[in-house]
Amino acid sequence: MIIIIAIPSYYLKTSYSSSPSPKTHPTTTTRYIVLAPTPCPTTATRNYTIAKDVLTWGWLVYSADISLPGNNAWFTKYQAAAQNTTWEEDLWRIWQREHFVRILAREEGRTGESGLLGMVRSLGGWVKRELDGRGAREGELREWEERRRQGEGHLKKSESIVSLKGSFMQRLEGLTAAKTEGSGASDELPTVLLTDSMLEDGNLFLLKKES
């Protein structure tokens, strides 16, 4: 199984007319980043921590079974494309920066509401007020993401099976070829929209050594 994290628009490079400084506002070039099982305990722990945190923040996180027909080929293509990118490191830096932003917002006591929902609703306005010149753009994107999530019910959505179709594939830059006419091949990637409880049974990112 692999985990697919949907990167919010405020961390996408294409959302800004000029790229934010990577030191203060890391971004990435892809809408989705895959975290896969690994034999390295350090990487597995990092991936598990990232997945748990972004779920808490209300980001969309999916799982996909790469043993299903077609999914393994898709993942192989993703791995080939990711070799020449910094996508996973982008995600690591984005995770660090998001923690920083949320800590600052809490310390300033400007959430206006208690709990996660209050934090999510207030972050957009806080970023616009407190961060550098690009904070206004980031704040607008955060507020837009929150309205979209509320409109689609993602904050309270229970676990469900979804299929990410061609639009999902197309957003993974360069990973989609046009379906051969008459081939009958499916462009769907069956996935599960994750909830916090699905990561409570241990670190699913650590590959166990065969005895």
N, C-alpha and C. Protein backbone atom coordinates (compact mmCIF):
# COMPACT_ATOMS: atom_id res chain seq x y z
N MET A 1 0.84 -1.19 0.00
CA MET A 1 0.00 0.00 0.00
C MET A 1 0.88 1.25 0.00
N ILE A 2 0.45 2.24 -0.73
CA ILE A 2 1.14 3.53 -0.74
C ILE A 2 0.18 4.60 -0.22
N ILE A 3 0.75 5.69 0.27
CA ILE A 3 -0.02 6.83 0.75
C ILE A 3 0.18 7.99 -0.22
N ILE A 4 -0.90 8.64 -0.60
CA ILE A 4 -0.86 9.77 -1.54
C ILE A 4 -1.36 11.01 -0.81
N ILE A 5 -0.50 12.00 -0.67
CA ILE A 5 -0.86 13.24 0.02
C ILE A 5 -1.16 14.33 -1.00
N ALA A 6 -2.35 14.91 -0.89
CA ALA A 6 -2.73 16.03 -1.76
C ALA A 6 -2.16 17.32 -1.17
N ILE A 7 -1.31 17.99 -1.92
CA ILE A 7 -0.66 19.20 -1.43
C ILE A 7 -1.61 20.39 -1.60
N PRO A 8 -1.89 21.15 -0.53
CA PRO A 8 -2.78 22.31 -0.65
C PRO A 8 -2.20 23.35 -1.61
N SER A 9 -3.10 24.14 -2.18
CA SER A 9 -2.69 25.11 -3.20
C SER A 9 -1.66 26.11 -2.68
N TYR A 10 -1.68 26.42 -1.37
CA TYR A 10 -0.75 27.42 -0.85
C TYR A 10 0.68 26.90 -0.73
N TYR A 11 0.88 25.62 -1.03
CA TYR A 11 2.24 25.08 -1.09
C TYR A 11 2.60 24.61 -2.50
N LEU A 12 1.83 25.01 -3.49
CA LEU A 12 2.14 24.70 -4.88
C LEU A 12 2.86 25.88 -5.54
N LYS A 13 3.95 25.60 -6.19
CA LYS A 13 4.74 26.65 -6.83
C LYS A 13 3.93 27.41 -7.86
N THR A 14 3.03 26.69 -8.56
CA THR A 14 2.24 27.31 -9.62
C THR A 14 1.18 28.27 -9.10
N SER A 15 0.96 28.32 -7.80
CA SER A 15 -0.05 29.22 -7.24
C SER A 15 0.44 30.65 -7.11
N TYR A 16 1.74 30.88 -7.35
CA TYR A 16 2.33 32.20 -7.13
C TYR A 16 2.93 32.73 -8.42
N SER A 17 2.73 34.01 -8.68
CA SER A 17 3.27 34.62 -9.89
C SER A 17 4.79 34.66 -9.86
N SER A 18 5.36 34.80 -8.68
CA SER A 18 6.80 34.67 -8.50
C SER A 18 7.03 33.72 -7.34
N SER A 19 8.00 32.85 -7.48
CA SER A 19 8.19 31.78 -6.50
C SER A 19 8.58 32.35 -5.14
N PRO A 20 7.92 31.90 -4.06
CA PRO A 20 8.33 32.30 -2.72
C PRO A 20 9.74 31.80 -2.42
N SER A 21 10.40 32.42 -1.47
CA SER A 21 11.73 31.98 -1.07
C SER A 21 11.65 30.58 -0.49
N PRO A 22 12.44 29.64 -1.02
CA PRO A 22 12.40 28.27 -0.49
C PRO A 22 12.82 28.18 0.97
N LYS A 23 13.54 29.19 1.46
CA LYS A 23 13.99 29.18 2.86
C LYS A 23 12.85 29.51 3.82
N THR A 24 11.95 30.37 3.39
CA THR A 24 10.86 30.79 4.27
C THR A 24 9.50 30.23 3.88
N HIS A 25 9.35 29.83 2.63
CA HIS A 25 8.07 29.30 2.16
C HIS A 25 8.32 28.24 1.09
N PRO A 26 8.67 27.02 1.50
CA PRO A 26 8.91 25.95 0.52
C PRO A 26 7.64 25.61 -0.25
N THR A 27 7.82 25.28 -1.51
CA THR A 27 6.71 24.86 -2.35
C THR A 27 7.14 23.63 -3.14
N THR A 28 6.20 23.06 -3.90
CA THR A 28 6.53 21.92 -4.74
C THR A 28 5.83 22.07 -6.07
N THR A 29 6.24 21.27 -7.03
CA THR A 29 5.70 21.39 -8.39
C THR A 29 4.61 20.37 -8.69
N THR A 30 4.30 19.50 -7.76
CA THR A 30 3.31 18.45 -8.00
C THR A 30 2.17 18.55 -7.02
N ARG A 31 0.97 18.25 -7.48
CA ARG A 31 -0.23 18.32 -6.64
C ARG A 31 -0.31 17.15 -5.67
N TYR A 32 0.32 16.03 -6.00
CA TYR A 32 0.26 14.84 -5.17
C TYR A 32 1.65 14.28 -4.95
N ILE A 33 1.94 13.86 -3.72
CA ILE A 33 3.22 13.25 -3.39
C ILE A 33 2.95 11.90 -2.73
N VAL A 34 3.67 10.88 -3.19
CA VAL A 34 3.48 9.52 -2.70
C VAL A 34 4.51 9.21 -1.62
N LEU A 35 4.04 8.60 -0.54
CA LEU A 35 4.91 8.04 0.49
C LEU A 35 4.73 6.53 0.47
N ALA A 36 5.83 5.80 0.32
CA ALA A 36 5.77 4.35 0.16
C ALA A 36 6.50 3.66 1.31
N PRO A 37 6.20 2.39 1.56
CA PRO A 37 6.94 1.63 2.57
C PRO A 37 8.43 1.59 2.26
N THR A 38 9.25 1.55 3.30
CA THR A 38 10.69 1.58 3.15
C THR A 38 11.33 0.73 4.24
N PRO A 39 12.49 0.12 3.97
CA PRO A 39 13.19 -0.65 5.01
C PRO A 39 13.96 0.24 5.98
N CYS A 40 14.04 1.54 5.69
CA CYS A 40 14.80 2.47 6.54
C CYS A 40 13.92 2.96 7.70
N PRO A 41 14.24 2.61 8.94
CA PRO A 41 13.40 3.03 10.07
C PRO A 41 13.26 4.55 10.19
N THR A 42 14.34 5.28 9.91
CA THR A 42 14.29 6.74 10.03
C THR A 42 13.31 7.34 9.04
N THR A 43 13.39 6.91 7.77
CA THR A 43 12.48 7.41 6.75
C THR A 43 11.05 6.99 7.03
N ALA A 44 10.87 5.75 7.48
CA ALA A 44 9.53 5.25 7.80
C ALA A 44 8.89 6.07 8.92
N THR A 45 9.67 6.39 9.94
CA THR A 45 9.16 7.19 11.05
C THR A 45 8.80 8.60 10.58
N ARG A 46 9.65 9.17 9.74
CA ARG A 46 9.37 10.51 9.21
C ARG A 46 8.09 10.50 8.40
N ASN A 47 7.93 9.52 7.52
CA ASN A 47 6.74 9.45 6.68
C ASN A 47 5.48 9.25 7.52
N TYR A 48 5.58 8.41 8.53
CA TYR A 48 4.43 8.16 9.41
C TYR A 48 4.03 9.45 10.14
N THR A 49 5.01 10.18 10.63
CA THR A 49 4.74 11.43 11.34
C THR A 49 4.09 12.45 10.42
N ILE A 50 4.61 12.57 9.21
CA ILE A 50 4.03 13.50 8.24
C ILE A 50 2.58 13.13 7.95
N ALA A 51 2.32 11.84 7.68
CA ALA A 51 0.97 11.40 7.34
C ALA A 51 -0.01 11.68 8.48
N LYS A 52 0.40 11.39 9.72
CA LYS A 52 -0.47 11.64 10.87
C LYS A 52 -0.77 13.13 11.02
N ASP A 53 0.25 13.96 10.86
CA ASP A 53 0.07 15.39 11.06
C ASP A 53 -0.81 16.02 9.98
N VAL A 54 -0.56 15.68 8.72
CA VAL A 54 -1.35 16.32 7.66
C VAL A 54 -2.81 15.89 7.74
N LEU A 55 -3.07 14.68 8.23
CA LEU A 55 -4.46 14.27 8.46
C LEU A 55 -5.09 15.15 9.54
N THR A 56 -4.33 15.40 10.60
CA THR A 56 -4.82 16.26 11.68
C THR A 56 -5.11 17.67 11.18
N TRP A 57 -4.31 18.13 10.22
CA TRP A 57 -4.49 19.47 9.67
C TRP A 57 -5.65 19.56 8.68
N GLY A 58 -6.25 18.44 8.35
CA GLY A 58 -7.37 18.45 7.42
C GLY A 58 -6.99 18.30 5.96
N TRP A 59 -5.71 17.98 5.67
CA TRP A 59 -5.31 17.75 4.29
C TRP A 59 -5.90 16.42 3.80
N LEU A 60 -6.06 16.29 2.50
CA LEU A 60 -6.57 15.05 1.93
C LEU A 60 -5.43 14.05 1.78
N VAL A 61 -5.64 12.86 2.31
CA VAL A 61 -4.65 11.79 2.25
C VAL A 61 -5.35 10.53 1.78
N TYR A 62 -4.76 9.87 0.78
CA TYR A 62 -5.34 8.67 0.20
C TYR A 62 -4.38 7.50 0.35
N SER A 63 -4.94 6.29 0.33
CA SER A 63 -4.11 5.09 0.21
C SER A 63 -4.51 4.37 -1.06
N ALA A 64 -3.55 3.68 -1.65
CA ALA A 64 -3.81 2.91 -2.87
C ALA A 64 -3.09 1.58 -2.78
N ASP A 65 -3.78 0.52 -3.13
CA ASP A 65 -3.21 -0.83 -3.11
C ASP A 65 -2.51 -1.08 -4.43
N ILE A 66 -1.17 -1.11 -4.40
CA ILE A 66 -0.42 -1.27 -5.65
C ILE A 66 -0.33 -2.72 -6.09
N SER A 67 -0.98 -3.62 -5.35
CA SER A 67 -1.07 -5.00 -5.84
C SER A 67 -2.25 -5.19 -6.79
N LEU A 68 -3.13 -4.19 -6.86
CA LEU A 68 -4.27 -4.27 -7.77
C LEU A 68 -3.82 -4.07 -9.21
N PRO A 69 -4.52 -4.69 -10.16
CA PRO A 69 -4.15 -4.57 -11.58
C PRO A 69 -4.07 -3.10 -12.01
N GLY A 70 -2.99 -2.74 -12.62
CA GLY A 70 -2.81 -1.39 -13.14
C GLY A 70 -2.16 -0.44 -12.17
N ASN A 71 -2.38 -0.62 -10.87
CA ASN A 71 -1.82 0.31 -9.90
C ASN A 71 -0.31 0.21 -9.79
N ASN A 72 0.22 -1.01 -9.90
CA ASN A 72 1.67 -1.17 -9.81
C ASN A 72 2.37 -0.47 -10.97
N ALA A 73 1.77 -0.58 -12.16
CA ALA A 73 2.35 0.10 -13.33
C ALA A 73 2.32 1.61 -13.13
N TRP A 74 1.23 2.11 -12.56
CA TRP A 74 1.13 3.55 -12.28
C TRP A 74 2.21 3.97 -11.31
N PHE A 75 2.40 3.19 -10.24
CA PHE A 75 3.39 3.54 -9.23
C PHE A 75 4.80 3.46 -9.79
N THR A 76 5.05 2.50 -10.66
CA THR A 76 6.37 2.40 -11.30
C THR A 76 6.66 3.66 -12.11
N LYS A 77 5.65 4.14 -12.81
CA LYS A 77 5.82 5.36 -13.60
C LYS A 77 6.05 6.57 -12.69
N TYR A 78 5.33 6.61 -11.59
CA TYR A 78 5.52 7.70 -10.62
C TYR A 78 6.94 7.68 -10.08
N GLN A 79 7.44 6.51 -9.70
CA GLN A 79 8.79 6.40 -9.15
C GLN A 79 9.83 6.87 -10.15
N ALA A 80 9.63 6.51 -11.42
CA ALA A 80 10.58 6.92 -12.46
C ALA A 80 10.62 8.44 -12.58
N ALA A 81 9.44 9.06 -12.54
CA ALA A 81 9.38 10.52 -12.65
C ALA A 81 9.95 11.19 -11.40
N ALA A 82 9.71 10.60 -10.24
CA ALA A 82 10.14 11.22 -8.98
C ALA A 82 11.65 11.16 -8.78
N GLN A 83 12.33 10.27 -9.50
CA GLN A 83 13.78 10.14 -9.33
C GLN A 83 14.51 11.44 -9.62
N ASN A 84 14.01 12.21 -10.54
CA ASN A 84 14.67 13.46 -10.94
C ASN A 84 14.04 14.69 -10.30
N THR A 85 13.32 14.48 -9.21
CA THR A 85 12.66 15.60 -8.52
C THR A 85 13.06 15.61 -7.05
N THR A 86 12.59 16.63 -6.35
CA THR A 86 12.81 16.73 -4.90
C THR A 86 11.47 16.64 -4.16
N TRP A 87 10.51 15.93 -4.73
CA TRP A 87 9.16 15.94 -4.18
C TRP A 87 9.11 15.53 -2.71
N GLU A 88 9.77 14.43 -2.34
CA GLU A 88 9.70 13.98 -0.95
C GLU A 88 10.39 14.97 -0.01
N GLU A 89 11.51 15.53 -0.44
CA GLU A 89 12.17 16.54 0.38
C GLU A 89 11.34 17.82 0.44
N ASP A 90 10.65 18.14 -0.66
CA ASP A 90 9.72 19.28 -0.64
C ASP A 90 8.68 19.08 0.46
N LEU A 91 8.12 17.86 0.51
CA LEU A 91 7.09 17.56 1.50
C LEU A 91 7.64 17.69 2.92
N TRP A 92 8.87 17.25 3.14
CA TRP A 92 9.51 17.34 4.45
C TRP A 92 9.65 18.80 4.87
N ARG A 93 10.10 19.65 3.95
CA ARG A 93 10.26 21.07 4.27
C ARG A 93 8.90 21.75 4.46
N ILE A 94 7.92 21.37 3.64
CA ILE A 94 6.57 21.91 3.78
C ILE A 94 6.00 21.54 5.15
N TRP A 95 6.18 20.30 5.56
CA TRP A 95 5.71 19.85 6.88
C TRP A 95 6.34 20.67 7.99
N GLN A 96 7.64 20.92 7.90
CA GLN A 96 8.32 21.72 8.92
C GLN A 96 7.78 23.14 8.96
N ARG A 97 7.58 23.71 7.79
CA ARG A 97 7.11 25.10 7.73
C ARG A 97 5.67 25.21 8.25
N GLU A 98 4.83 24.23 7.93
CA GLU A 98 3.44 24.28 8.39
C GLU A 98 3.38 24.20 9.92
N HIS A 99 4.22 23.38 10.51
CA HIS A 99 4.31 23.35 11.97
C HIS A 99 4.68 24.73 12.51
N PHE A 100 5.66 25.36 11.88
CA PHE A 100 6.12 26.68 12.31
C PHE A 100 4.98 27.70 12.26
N VAL A 101 4.24 27.72 11.16
CA VAL A 101 3.14 28.67 10.99
C VAL A 101 2.08 28.45 12.07
N ARG A 102 1.73 27.20 12.32
CA ARG A 102 0.68 26.90 13.29
C ARG A 102 1.12 27.20 14.72
N ILE A 103 2.38 26.97 15.02
CA ILE A 103 2.90 27.31 16.34
C ILE A 103 2.85 28.82 16.55
N LEU A 104 3.27 29.59 15.54
CA LEU A 104 3.22 31.05 15.66
C LEU A 104 1.80 31.54 15.87
N ALA A 105 0.86 30.97 15.12
CA ALA A 105 -0.53 31.40 15.26
C ALA A 105 -1.07 31.10 16.66
N ARG A 106 -0.72 29.94 17.19
CA ARG A 106 -1.17 29.60 18.55
C ARG A 106 -0.55 30.52 19.59
N GLU A 107 0.74 30.81 19.43
CA GLU A 107 1.42 31.66 20.41
C GLU A 107 0.85 33.07 20.42
N GLU A 108 0.42 33.54 19.26
CA GLU A 108 -0.17 34.87 19.19
C GLU A 108 -1.59 34.89 19.74
N GLY A 109 -2.16 33.70 19.96
CA GLY A 109 -3.50 33.63 20.53
C GLY A 109 -4.56 34.23 19.65
N ARG A 110 -4.43 34.04 18.32
CA ARG A 110 -5.37 34.69 17.40
C ARG A 110 -6.27 33.69 16.70
N THR A 111 -6.50 32.54 17.28
CA THR A 111 -7.36 31.56 16.63
C THR A 111 -8.82 31.99 16.65
N GLY A 112 -9.24 32.66 17.73
CA GLY A 112 -10.63 33.13 17.78
C GLY A 112 -11.62 32.05 18.14
N GLU A 113 -11.25 30.78 17.96
CA GLU A 113 -12.09 29.65 18.31
C GLU A 113 -11.19 28.58 18.89
N SER A 114 -11.76 27.69 19.66
CA SER A 114 -10.97 26.60 20.22
C SER A 114 -11.01 25.40 19.28
N GLY A 115 -9.97 24.57 19.39
CA GLY A 115 -9.95 23.33 18.63
C GLY A 115 -9.41 23.51 17.22
N LEU A 116 -9.33 22.37 16.52
CA LEU A 116 -8.76 22.34 15.17
C LEU A 116 -9.54 23.21 14.20
N LEU A 117 -10.86 23.14 14.25
CA LEU A 117 -11.66 23.89 13.29
C LEU A 117 -11.40 25.38 13.41
N GLY A 118 -11.28 25.87 14.65
CA GLY A 118 -10.98 27.28 14.85
C GLY A 118 -9.63 27.64 14.28
N MET A 119 -8.63 26.76 14.48
CA MET A 119 -7.30 27.01 13.95
C MET A 119 -7.33 27.08 12.43
N VAL A 120 -7.99 26.11 11.80
CA VAL A 120 -8.03 26.07 10.34
C VAL A 120 -8.70 27.31 9.78
N ARG A 121 -9.80 27.72 10.39
CA ARG A 121 -10.54 28.88 9.89
C ARG A 121 -9.73 30.17 10.03
N SER A 122 -8.92 30.25 11.06
CA SER A 122 -8.23 31.50 11.34
C SER A 122 -6.88 31.64 10.66
N LEU A 123 -6.29 30.53 10.24
CA LEU A 123 -4.93 30.59 9.71
C LEU A 123 -4.81 31.49 8.50
N GLY A 124 -5.81 31.44 7.61
CA GLY A 124 -5.74 32.27 6.42
C GLY A 124 -5.62 33.74 6.76
N GLY A 125 -6.49 34.23 7.65
CA GLY A 125 -6.43 35.62 8.04
C GLY A 125 -5.15 35.96 8.79
N TRP A 126 -4.69 35.04 9.64
CA TRP A 126 -3.45 35.29 10.39
C TRP A 126 -2.26 35.41 9.46
N VAL A 127 -2.17 34.51 8.49
CA VAL A 127 -1.05 34.54 7.55
C VAL A 127 -1.04 35.86 6.78
N LYS A 128 -2.21 36.32 6.35
CA LYS A 128 -2.28 37.57 5.60
C LYS A 128 -1.77 38.75 6.44
N ARG A 129 -2.01 38.71 7.73
CA ARG A 129 -1.61 39.82 8.60
C ARG A 129 -0.14 39.77 8.98
N GLU A 130 0.37 38.56 9.22
CA GLU A 130 1.64 38.44 9.93
C GLU A 130 2.85 38.10 9.07
N LEU A 131 2.67 37.46 7.95
CA LEU A 131 3.82 37.02 7.18
C LEU A 131 4.25 38.08 6.17
N ASP A 132 5.24 37.75 5.34
CA ASP A 132 5.83 38.74 4.44
C ASP A 132 4.86 39.15 3.34
N GLY A 133 5.35 39.84 2.33
CA GLY A 133 4.51 40.40 1.29
C GLY A 133 3.66 39.39 0.56
N ARG A 134 4.11 38.15 0.50
CA ARG A 134 3.33 37.11 -0.17
C ARG A 134 2.31 36.48 0.77
N GLY A 135 2.29 36.93 2.02
CA GLY A 135 1.35 36.38 2.97
C GLY A 135 -0.09 36.59 2.55
N ALA A 136 -0.38 37.72 1.88
CA ALA A 136 -1.75 37.97 1.44
C ALA A 136 -2.21 36.90 0.47
N ARG A 137 -1.36 36.56 -0.48
CA ARG A 137 -1.71 35.52 -1.45
C ARG A 137 -1.88 34.17 -0.76
N GLU A 138 -0.96 33.85 0.12
CA GLU A 138 -1.06 32.57 0.83
C GLU A 138 -2.31 32.53 1.69
N GLY A 139 -2.61 33.64 2.37
CA GLY A 139 -3.80 33.69 3.20
C GLY A 139 -5.07 33.48 2.39
N GLU A 140 -5.14 34.08 1.21
CA GLU A 140 -6.30 33.89 0.34
C GLU A 140 -6.44 32.43 -0.06
N LEU A 141 -5.31 31.79 -0.38
CA LEU A 141 -5.34 30.38 -0.78
C LEU A 141 -5.77 29.49 0.38
N ARG A 142 -5.31 29.80 1.58
CA ARG A 142 -5.72 29.02 2.75
C ARG A 142 -7.22 29.14 2.99
N GLU A 143 -7.75 30.34 2.87
CA GLU A 143 -9.18 30.54 3.06
C GLU A 143 -9.98 29.82 1.98
N TRP A 144 -9.47 29.85 0.74
CA TRP A 144 -10.14 29.15 -0.36
C TRP A 144 -10.15 27.65 -0.11
N GLU A 145 -9.02 27.09 0.32
CA GLU A 145 -8.93 25.65 0.60
C GLU A 145 -9.92 25.27 1.70
N GLU A 146 -10.03 26.10 2.72
CA GLU A 146 -10.95 25.79 3.81
C GLU A 146 -12.40 25.81 3.34
N ARG A 147 -12.76 26.80 2.53
CA ARG A 147 -14.14 26.84 2.00
C ARG A 147 -14.42 25.62 1.14
N ARG A 148 -13.44 25.22 0.34
CA ARG A 148 -13.61 24.03 -0.51
C ARG A 148 -13.80 22.77 0.34
N ARG A 149 -12.98 22.63 1.38
CA ARG A 149 -13.09 21.44 2.22
C ARG A 149 -14.44 21.39 2.93
N GLN A 150 -14.88 22.55 3.43
CA GLN A 150 -16.18 22.57 4.10
C GLN A 150 -17.30 22.26 3.13
N GLY A 151 -17.19 22.81 1.91
CA GLY A 151 -18.22 22.57 0.91
C GLY A 151 -18.32 21.12 0.50
N GLU A 152 -17.18 20.41 0.51
CA GLU A 152 -17.17 19.01 0.11
C GLU A 152 -17.28 18.07 1.31
N GLY A 153 -17.36 18.65 2.52
CA GLY A 153 -17.54 17.82 3.70
C GLY A 153 -16.31 17.06 4.15
N HIS A 154 -15.11 17.51 3.76
CA HIS A 154 -13.92 16.72 4.06
C HIS A 154 -13.54 16.73 5.53
N LEU A 155 -13.87 17.79 6.26
CA LEU A 155 -13.46 17.84 7.66
C LEU A 155 -14.16 16.78 8.49
N LYS A 156 -15.36 16.39 8.09
CA LYS A 156 -16.10 15.41 8.88
C LYS A 156 -16.33 14.12 8.10
N LYS A 157 -15.70 13.98 6.97
CA LYS A 157 -15.96 12.83 6.12
C LYS A 157 -15.37 11.57 6.71
N SER A 158 -16.15 10.51 6.73
CA SER A 158 -15.65 9.23 7.22
C SER A 158 -14.91 8.52 6.10
N GLU A 159 -14.28 7.43 6.48
CA GLU A 159 -13.53 6.65 5.49
C GLU A 159 -14.44 6.25 4.34
N SER A 160 -13.97 6.40 3.11
CA SER A 160 -14.78 6.01 1.96
C SER A 160 -13.88 5.61 0.81
N ILE A 161 -14.41 4.78 -0.04
CA ILE A 161 -13.67 4.36 -1.23
C ILE A 161 -13.93 5.36 -2.33
N VAL A 162 -12.89 5.85 -2.95
CA VAL A 162 -13.04 6.78 -4.05
C VAL A 162 -12.11 6.35 -5.17
N SER A 163 -12.42 6.76 -6.38
CA SER A 163 -11.55 6.51 -7.52
C SER A 163 -11.07 7.83 -8.08
N LEU A 164 -9.77 8.01 -8.11
CA LEU A 164 -9.19 9.20 -8.69
C LEU A 164 -8.96 8.92 -10.17
N LYS A 165 -9.72 9.61 -11.02
CA LYS A 165 -9.72 9.27 -12.43
C LYS A 165 -8.69 10.07 -13.20
N GLY A 166 -8.96 10.31 -14.47
CA GLY A 166 -7.98 10.96 -15.33
C GLY A 166 -7.50 12.29 -14.81
N SER A 167 -8.39 13.07 -14.19
CA SER A 167 -7.98 14.39 -13.70
C SER A 167 -6.87 14.26 -12.67
N PHE A 168 -6.95 13.23 -11.84
CA PHE A 168 -5.89 12.99 -10.86
C PHE A 168 -4.58 12.67 -11.55
N MET A 169 -4.65 11.79 -12.54
CA MET A 169 -3.44 11.40 -13.25
C MET A 169 -2.82 12.60 -13.96
N GLN A 170 -3.67 13.43 -14.55
CA GLN A 170 -3.15 14.56 -15.32
C GLN A 170 -2.46 15.57 -14.43
N ARG A 171 -2.87 15.67 -13.18
CA ARG A 171 -2.26 16.63 -12.28
C ARG A 171 -0.88 16.18 -11.81
N LEU A 172 -0.59 14.91 -11.95
CA LEU A 172 0.76 14.44 -11.68
C LEU A 172 1.56 14.68 -12.94
N GLU A 173 2.30 15.78 -12.93
CA GLU A 173 2.92 16.31 -14.14
C GLU A 173 3.66 15.25 -14.94
N GLY A 174 3.22 15.10 -16.20
CA GLY A 174 3.95 14.25 -17.11
C GLY A 174 3.76 12.76 -16.91
N LEU A 175 2.85 12.36 -16.02
CA LEU A 175 2.73 10.93 -15.75
C LEU A 175 1.60 10.27 -16.53
N THR A 176 0.86 11.04 -17.30
CA THR A 176 -0.28 10.47 -18.00
C THR A 176 -0.09 10.50 -19.50
N ALA A 177 -0.22 9.36 -20.10
CA ALA A 177 -0.26 9.29 -21.56
C ALA A 177 -1.70 9.07 -21.96
N ALA A 178 -2.06 9.54 -23.15
CA ALA A 178 -3.43 9.35 -23.60
C ALA A 178 -3.74 7.86 -23.71
N LYS A 179 -4.95 7.49 -23.28
CA LYS A 179 -5.34 6.09 -23.33
C LYS A 179 -5.46 5.65 -24.78
N THR A 180 -4.88 4.51 -25.09
CA THR A 180 -4.93 4.00 -26.46
C THR A 180 -6.36 3.73 -26.85
N GLU A 181 -6.76 4.26 -27.98
CA GLU A 181 -8.14 4.13 -28.43
C GLU A 181 -8.48 2.66 -28.65
N GLY A 182 -9.58 2.23 -28.03
CA GLY A 182 -10.02 0.86 -28.21
C GLY A 182 -9.32 -0.14 -27.32
N SER A 183 -8.39 0.32 -26.47
CA SER A 183 -7.65 -0.63 -25.63
C SER A 183 -8.49 -1.11 -24.46
N GLY A 184 -9.46 -0.28 -24.03
CA GLY A 184 -10.30 -0.66 -22.92
C GLY A 184 -9.63 -0.53 -21.58
N ALA A 185 -8.41 0.01 -21.54
CA ALA A 185 -7.69 0.14 -20.27
C ALA A 185 -8.33 1.23 -19.42
N SER A 186 -8.41 0.99 -18.12
CA SER A 186 -9.01 1.96 -17.21
C SER A 186 -8.00 3.00 -16.80
N ASP A 187 -8.46 4.26 -16.66
CA ASP A 187 -7.57 5.31 -16.19
C ASP A 187 -7.83 5.61 -14.71
N GLU A 188 -8.58 4.73 -14.03
CA GLU A 188 -8.90 4.96 -12.64
C GLU A 188 -7.81 4.39 -11.73
N LEU A 189 -7.57 5.08 -10.62
CA LEU A 189 -6.66 4.60 -9.59
C LEU A 189 -7.48 4.43 -8.32
N PRO A 190 -7.92 3.19 -8.00
CA PRO A 190 -8.75 3.00 -6.81
C PRO A 190 -7.99 3.39 -5.55
N THR A 191 -8.61 4.20 -4.72
CA THR A 191 -7.95 4.69 -3.50
C THR A 191 -8.94 4.70 -2.35
N VAL A 192 -8.41 4.88 -1.15
CA VAL A 192 -9.21 5.06 0.05
C VAL A 192 -8.87 6.42 0.63
N LEU A 193 -9.88 7.21 0.96
CA LEU A 193 -9.66 8.49 1.64
C LEU A 193 -9.44 8.19 3.11
N LEU A 194 -8.24 8.47 3.61
CA LEU A 194 -7.85 8.05 4.96
C LEU A 194 -8.47 8.91 6.05
N THR A 195 -8.63 8.29 7.22
CA THR A 195 -8.97 9.00 8.45
C THR A 195 -7.89 8.70 9.48
N ASP A 196 -7.86 9.48 10.57
CA ASP A 196 -6.83 9.30 11.59
C ASP A 196 -6.75 7.88 12.11
N SER A 197 -7.91 7.24 12.30
CA SER A 197 -7.94 5.92 12.93
C SER A 197 -7.20 4.87 12.12
N MET A 198 -7.06 5.08 10.82
CA MET A 198 -6.43 4.08 9.97
C MET A 198 -4.92 4.04 10.15
N LEU A 199 -4.35 5.00 10.88
CA LEU A 199 -2.91 4.99 11.13
C LEU A 199 -2.59 4.65 12.58
N GLU A 200 -3.58 4.18 13.32
CA GLU A 200 -3.38 3.91 14.74
C GLU A 200 -2.81 2.53 15.03
N ASP A 201 -2.73 1.67 14.03
CA ASP A 201 -2.29 0.29 14.25
C ASP A 201 -0.79 0.11 14.06
N GLY A 202 -0.04 1.19 14.05
CA GLY A 202 1.40 1.08 13.89
C GLY A 202 1.88 1.73 12.61
N ASN A 203 3.19 1.71 12.43
CA ASN A 203 3.81 2.38 11.29
C ASN A 203 3.72 1.52 10.04
N LEU A 204 2.79 1.85 9.16
CA LEU A 204 2.60 1.07 7.95
C LEU A 204 3.68 1.33 6.91
N PHE A 205 4.56 2.30 7.18
CA PHE A 205 5.61 2.64 6.21
C PHE A 205 6.87 1.79 6.37
N LEU A 206 7.00 1.08 7.48
CA LEU A 206 8.21 0.31 7.73
C LEU A 206 8.06 -1.10 7.19
N LEU A 207 8.91 -1.46 6.23
CA LEU A 207 8.91 -2.81 5.69
C LEU A 207 9.56 -3.75 6.70
N LYS A 208 8.84 -4.80 7.07
CA LYS A 208 9.38 -5.76 8.02
C LYS A 208 10.32 -6.74 7.32
N LYS A 209 11.41 -7.04 7.99
CA LYS A 209 12.37 -7.99 7.43
C LYS A 209 11.79 -9.40 7.48
N GLU A 210 12.01 -10.12 6.39
CA GLU A 210 11.53 -11.50 6.34
C GLU A 210 12.40 -12.37 7.24
N SER A 211 11.75 -13.24 8.01
CA SER A 211 12.49 -14.11 8.92
C SER A 211 12.98 -15.37 8.20
